[in-house]
C-alpha atoms as a PDB file:
ATOM      1  CA  UNK A   1      21.088   1.391 -12.526  1.00  0.00           C
ATOM      2  CA  UNK A   2      22.727  -0.985 -10.050  1.00  0.00           C
ATOM      3  CA  UNK A   3      21.065  -3.985  -8.483  1.00  0.00           C
ATOM      4  CA  UNK A   4      20.960  -2.170  -5.124  1.00  0.00           C
ATOM      5  CA  UNK A   5      19.201   0.838  -6.655  1.00  0.00           C
ATOM      6  CA  UNK A   6      16.664  -1.469  -8.266  1.00  0.00           C
ATOM      7  CA  UNK A   7      15.906  -3.549  -5.176  1.00  0.00           C
ATOM      8  CA  UNK A   8      16.386  -0.889  -2.461  1.00  0.00           C
ATOM      9  CA  UNK A   9      12.733   0.302  -2.505  1.00  0.00           C
ATOM     10  CA  UNK A  10      11.543  -3.310  -2.376  1.00  0.00           C
ATOM     11  CA  UNK A  11      13.795  -4.003   0.624  1.00  0.00           C
ATOM     12  CA  UNK A  12      12.514  -0.918   2.460  1.00  0.00           C
ATOM     13  CA  UNK A  13       8.889  -1.942   1.839  1.00  0.00           C
ATOM     14  CA  UNK A  14       9.539  -5.533   2.986  1.00  0.00           C
ATOM     15  CA  UNK A  15      11.197  -4.333   6.210  1.00  0.00           C
ATOM     16  CA  UNK A  16       8.344  -1.899   6.819  1.00  0.00           C
ATOM     17  CA  UNK A  17       5.743  -4.655   6.323  1.00  0.00           C
ATOM     18  CA  UNK A  18       7.627  -6.900   8.767  1.00  0.00           C
ATOM     19  CA  UNK A  19       7.696  -4.103  11.366  1.00  0.00           C
ATOM     20  CA  UNK A  20       3.978  -3.395  10.937  1.00  0.00           C
ATOM     21  CA  UNK A  21       3.012  -7.095  11.172  1.00  0.00           C
ATOM     22  CA  UNK A  22       5.158  -7.549  14.296  1.00  0.00           C
ATOM     23  CA  UNK A  23       3.538  -4.529  15.914  1.00  0.00           C
ATOM     24  CA  UNK A  24       0.025  -5.727  15.128  1.00  0.00           C
ATOM     25  CA  UNK A  25       0.905  -8.983  16.881  1.00  0.00           C
ATOM     26  CA  UNK A  26       2.436  -7.052  19.764  1.00  0.00           C
ATOM     27  CA  UNK A  27       6.080  -6.564  20.655  1.00  0.00           C
ATOM     28  CA  UNK A  28       7.994  -5.193  23.632  1.00  0.00           C
ATOM     29  CA  UNK A  29       8.588  -1.460  23.811  1.00  0.00           C
ATOM     30  CA  UNK A  30      12.317  -1.277  23.211  1.00  0.00           C
ATOM     31  CA  UNK A  31      14.418   1.892  23.030  1.00  0.00           C
ATOM     32  CA  UNK A  32      16.767   0.266  20.534  1.00  0.00           C
ATOM     33  CA  UNK A  33      13.909  -0.581  18.140  1.00  0.00           C
ATOM     34  CA  UNK A  34      12.372   2.855  18.622  1.00  0.00           C
ATOM     35  CA  UNK A  35      15.614   4.673  17.805  1.00  0.00           C
ATOM     36  CA  UNK A  36      17.620   2.488  15.405  1.00  0.00           C
ATOM     37  CA  UNK A  37      15.089   2.117  12.564  1.00  0.00           C
ATOM     38  CA  UNK A  38      14.337   5.853  12.279  1.00  0.00           C
ATOM     39  CA  UNK A  39      18.044   6.711  12.657  1.00  0.00           C
ATOM     40  CA  UNK A  40      19.133   4.338   9.889  1.00  0.00           C
ATOM     41  CA  UNK A  41      16.388   5.524   7.529  1.00  0.00           C
ATOM     42  CA  UNK A  42      17.132   9.187   8.296  1.00  0.00           C
ATOM     43  CA  UNK A  43      20.842   8.595   7.668  1.00  0.00           C
ATOM     44  CA  UNK A  44      20.171   6.893   4.338  1.00  0.00           C
ATOM     45  CA  UNK A  45      17.686   9.554   3.242  1.00  0.00           C
ATOM     46  CA  UNK A  46      19.967  12.366   4.377  1.00  0.00           C
ATOM     47  CA  UNK A  47      22.890  10.765   2.562  1.00  0.00           C
ATOM     48  CA  UNK A  48      20.856  10.842  -0.645  1.00  0.00           C
ATOM     49  CA  UNK A  49      20.242  14.565  -0.182  1.00  0.00           C
ATOM     50  CA  UNK A  50      23.956  15.297   0.247  1.00  0.00           C
ATOM     51  CA  UNK A  51      24.560  14.205  -3.337  1.00  0.00           C
ATOM     52  CA  UNK A  52      22.070  16.750  -4.727  1.00  0.00           C
ATOM     53  CA  UNK A  53      22.177  20.433  -5.464  1.00  0.00           C
ATOM     54  CA  UNK A  54      19.058  21.386  -3.540  1.00  0.00           C
ATOM     55  CA  UNK A  55      17.061  24.409  -4.635  1.00  0.00           C
ATOM     56  CA  UNK A  56      15.070  26.709  -2.367  1.00  0.00           C
ATOM     57  CA  UNK A  57      11.933  24.924  -3.560  1.00  0.00           C
ATOM     58  CA  UNK A  58      13.443  21.574  -2.562  1.00  0.00           C
ATOM     59  CA  UNK A  59      14.334  22.830   0.914  1.00  0.00           C
ATOM     60  CA  UNK A  60      10.895  24.389   1.454  1.00  0.00           C
ATOM     61  CA  UNK A  61       9.060  21.214   0.443  1.00  0.00           C
ATOM     62  CA  UNK A  62      11.450  19.033   2.453  1.00  0.00           C
ATOM     63  CA  UNK A  63      10.503  21.099   5.504  1.00  0.00           C
ATOM     64  CA  UNK A  64       6.762  20.872   4.766  1.00  0.00           C
ATOM     65  CA  UNK A  65       6.719  17.149   3.966  1.00  0.00           C
ATOM     66  CA  UNK A  66       9.132  16.396   6.821  1.00  0.00           C
ATOM     67  CA  UNK A  67       7.011  18.222   9.384  1.00  0.00           C
ATOM     68  CA  UNK A  68       3.903  16.443   8.103  1.00  0.00           C
ATOM     69  CA  UNK A  69       5.682  13.085   8.329  1.00  0.00           C
ATOM     70  CA  UNK A  70       6.795  13.643  11.920  1.00  0.00           C
ATOM     71  CA  UNK A  71       3.331  14.926  12.913  1.00  0.00           C
ATOM     72  CA  UNK A  72       1.482  12.020  11.288  1.00  0.00           C
ATOM     73  CA  UNK A  73       3.916   9.565  12.862  1.00  0.00           C
ATOM     74  CA  UNK A  74       3.186  11.205  16.212  1.00  0.00           C
ATOM     75  CA  UNK A  75      -0.546  10.786  15.648  1.00  0.00           C
ATOM     76  CA  UNK A  76       0.065   7.143  14.785  1.00  0.00           C
ATOM     77  CA  UNK A  77       1.998   6.789  18.050  1.00  0.00           C
ATOM     78  CA  UNK A  78      -1.121   7.858  19.970  1.00  0.00           C
ATOM     79  CA  UNK A  79      -3.139   5.003  18.446  1.00  0.00           C
ATOM     80  CA  UNK A  80      -0.767   2.245  19.554  1.00  0.00           C
ATOM     81  CA  UNK A  81      -1.982   0.247  22.571  1.00  0.00           C
ATOM     82  CA  UNK A  82       0.596   0.010  25.370  1.00  0.00           C
ATOM     83  CA  UNK A  83       0.029  -2.585  28.062  1.00  0.00           C
ATOM     84  CA  UNK A  84       1.814  -4.571  30.732  1.00  0.00           C
ATOM     85  CA  UNK A  85       3.882  -3.677  33.770  1.00  0.00           C
ATOM     86  CA  UNK A  86       6.248  -0.707  33.349  1.00  0.00           C
ATOM     87  CA  UNK A  87       9.322  -2.928  33.051  1.00  0.00           C
ATOM     88  CA  UNK A  88       7.714  -5.131  30.364  1.00  0.00           C
ATOM     89  CA  UNK A  89       5.535  -2.829  28.289  1.00  0.00           C
ATOM     90  CA  UNK A  90       4.169  -4.240  25.041  1.00  0.00           C
ATOM     91  CA  UNK A  91       3.059  -2.126  22.086  1.00  0.00           C
ATOM     92  CA  UNK A  92       0.340  -3.267  19.751  1.00  0.00           C
ATOM     93  CA  UNK A  93      -1.028  -1.543  16.682  1.00  0.00           C
ATOM     94  CA  UNK A  94      -4.810  -1.175  16.503  1.00  0.00           C
ATOM     95  CA  UNK A  95      -7.330  -0.679  13.728  1.00  0.00           C
ATOM     96  CA  UNK A  96      -7.008   3.068  14.287  1.00  0.00           C
ATOM     97  CA  UNK A  97      -3.260   2.747  13.718  1.00  0.00           C
ATOM     98  CA  UNK A  98      -3.953   1.208  10.314  1.00  0.00           C
ATOM     99  CA  UNK A  99      -6.326   4.069   9.476  1.00  0.00           C
ATOM    100  CA  UNK A 100      -3.597   6.587  10.370  1.00  0.00           C
ATOM    101  CA  UNK A 101      -1.051   4.654   8.261  1.00  0.00           C
ATOM    102  CA  UNK A 102      -3.389   4.866   5.268  1.00  0.00           C
ATOM    103  CA  UNK A 103      -4.132   8.550   5.923  1.00  0.00           C
ATOM    104  CA  UNK A 104      -0.376   9.196   6.198  1.00  0.00           C
ATOM    105  CA  UNK A 105       0.200   7.571   2.813  1.00  0.00           C
ATOM    106  CA  UNK A 106      -2.568   9.669   1.255  1.00  0.00           C
ATOM    107  CA  UNK A 107      -1.301  12.917   2.815  1.00  0.00           C
ATOM    108  CA  UNK A 108       2.311  12.081   1.929  1.00  0.00           C
ATOM    109  CA  UNK A 109       1.373  11.235  -1.654  1.00  0.00           C
ATOM    110  CA  UNK A 110      -0.667  14.411  -1.990  1.00  0.00           C
ATOM    111  CA  UNK A 111       2.112  16.581  -0.571  1.00  0.00           C
ATOM    112  CA  UNK A 112       4.638  14.809  -2.792  1.00  0.00           C
ATOM    113  CA  UNK A 113       2.464  15.530  -5.830  1.00  0.00           C
ATOM    114  CA  UNK A 114       2.120  19.179  -4.841  1.00  0.00           C
ATOM    115  CA  UNK A 115       5.872  19.407  -4.261  1.00  0.00           C
ATOM    116  CA  UNK A 116       6.572  17.928  -7.684  1.00  0.00           C
ATOM    117  CA  UNK A 117       4.063  20.312  -9.254  1.00  0.00           C
ATOM    118  CA  UNK A 118       5.816  23.220  -7.492  1.00  0.00           C
ATOM    119  CA  UNK A 119       9.149  22.139  -8.975  1.00  0.00           C
ATOM    120  CA  UNK A 120      10.749  19.944  -6.307  1.00  0.00           C
ATOM    121  CA  UNK A 121      13.235  17.446  -7.728  1.00  0.00           C
ATOM    122  CA  UNK A 122      12.031  13.839  -7.481  1.00  0.00           C
ATOM    123  CA  UNK A 123      15.451  12.816  -6.123  1.00  0.00           C
ATOM    124  CA  UNK A 124      15.002  15.297  -3.253  1.00  0.00           C
ATOM    125  CA  UNK A 125      12.120  13.213  -1.893  1.00  0.00           C
ATOM    126  CA  UNK A 126      13.814   9.978  -0.772  1.00  0.00           C
ATOM    127  CA  UNK A 127      11.353   7.388   0.522  1.00  0.00           C
ATOM    128  CA  UNK A 128      13.785   6.394   3.272  1.00  0.00           C
ATOM    129  CA  UNK A 129      13.765   9.935   4.644  1.00  0.00           C
ATOM    130  CA  UNK A 130       9.961  10.108   4.606  1.00  0.00           C
ATOM    131  CA  UNK A 131       9.559   6.785   6.401  1.00  0.00           C
ATOM    132  CA  UNK A 132      12.336   7.641   8.849  1.00  0.00           C
ATOM    133  CA  UNK A 133      10.678  10.945   9.814  1.00  0.00           C
ATOM    134  CA  UNK A 134       7.329   9.228  10.243  1.00  0.00           C
ATOM    135  CA  UNK A 135       8.853   6.512  12.453  1.00  0.00           C
ATOM    136  CA  UNK A 136      10.708   9.214  14.405  1.00  0.00           C
ATOM    137  CA  UNK A 137       7.411  10.927  15.241  1.00  0.00           C
ATOM    138  CA  UNK A 138       5.812   7.627  16.194  1.00  0.00           C
ATOM    139  CA  UNK A 139       8.778   6.580  18.354  1.00  0.00           C
ATOM    140  CA  UNK A 140       8.925   9.917  20.161  1.00  0.00           C
ATOM    141  CA  UNK A 141       5.255   9.670  21.153  1.00  0.00           C
ATOM    142  CA  UNK A 142       5.547   5.975  22.024  1.00  0.00           C
ATOM    143  CA  UNK A 143       8.566   6.542  24.289  1.00  0.00           C
ATOM    144  CA  UNK A 144       6.891   9.532  25.932  1.00  0.00           C
ATOM    145  CA  UNK A 145       3.794   7.390  26.599  1.00  0.00           C
ATOM    146  CA  UNK A 146       5.992   4.568  27.953  1.00  0.00           C
ATOM    147  CA  UNK A 147       7.679   7.053  30.291  1.00  0.00           C
ATOM    148  CA  UNK A 148       4.265   8.320  31.431  1.00  0.00           C
ATOM    149  CA  UNK A 149       3.274   4.694  32.090  1.00  0.00           C
ATOM    150  CA  UNK A 150       6.186   4.455  34.527  1.00  0.00           C
ATOM    151  CA  UNK A 151       8.753   2.742  32.314  1.00  0.00           C
ATOM    152  CA  UNK A 152      12.449   3.415  32.724  1.00  0.00           C
ATOM    153  CA  UNK A 153      12.833   4.489  29.088  1.00  0.00           C
ATOM    154  CA  UNK A 154      16.636   4.325  29.213  1.00  0.00           C
ATOM    155  CA  UNK A 155      16.313   0.855  30.733  1.00  0.00           C
ATOM    156  CA  UNK A 156      14.267  -0.154  27.714  1.00  0.00           C
ATOM    157  CA  UNK A 157      17.526  -0.307  25.778  1.00  0.00           C
ATOM    158  CA  UNK A 158      18.017  -3.730  27.341  1.00  0.00           C
ATOM    159  CA  UNK A 159      14.592  -4.880  28.543  1.00  0.00           C
ATOM    160  CA  UNK A 160      15.976  -8.043  30.173  1.00  0.00           C
ATOM    161  CA  UNK A 161      18.170  -5.912  32.422  1.00  0.00           C
ATOM    162  CA  UNK A 162      15.511  -3.353  33.406  1.00  0.00           C
ATOM    163  CA  UNK A 163      13.913  -5.490  36.113  1.00  0.00           C
ATOM    164  CA  UNK A 164      17.311  -6.199  37.675  1.00  0.00           C
ATOM    165  CA  UNK A 165      18.181  -2.506  38.095  1.00  0.00           C
ATOM    166  CA  UNK A 166      17.946  -0.978  41.544  1.00  0.00           C
ATOM    167  CA  UNK A 167      14.786   1.059  41.770  1.00  0.00           C
ATOM    168  CA  UNK A 168      13.085  -0.762  38.879  1.00  0.00           C
ATOM    169  CA  UNK A 169       9.419  -1.448  39.476  1.00  0.00           C
END
């Protein structure tokens, strides 16, 4: 086992903790943050799957656990407080967000256990893919809510430039 394989899960957990702490403190709604983290994690998790010979059982359970991850991430996105003017929206996790995080871990662990019991390969359940799908669901709901709050979601890619755009509120 290489050093990267040994420390990779630790790195993912550390980054996730940093993201969660920042969001509890409150941070700007930013398209780049909402898209890049899930995209990177999905790429890494998907890359892991390309190296495997997936069975029908693996594919079925990937679909089930993936759909659950996106759905629970979406629920988590509904618990995030969004405040501020449309061009400077701030997201902040709440106590309910923490409850949904915990529930997501319990549901994910339970589904993972059922998948393993049903014969899914352990390697076919990369943590990066699970977290990426969950963050994808959360980001989709968050960006939809930001749009509904009047934000120029595309302008959120560079928040400092959004106010300078013609037609920005």
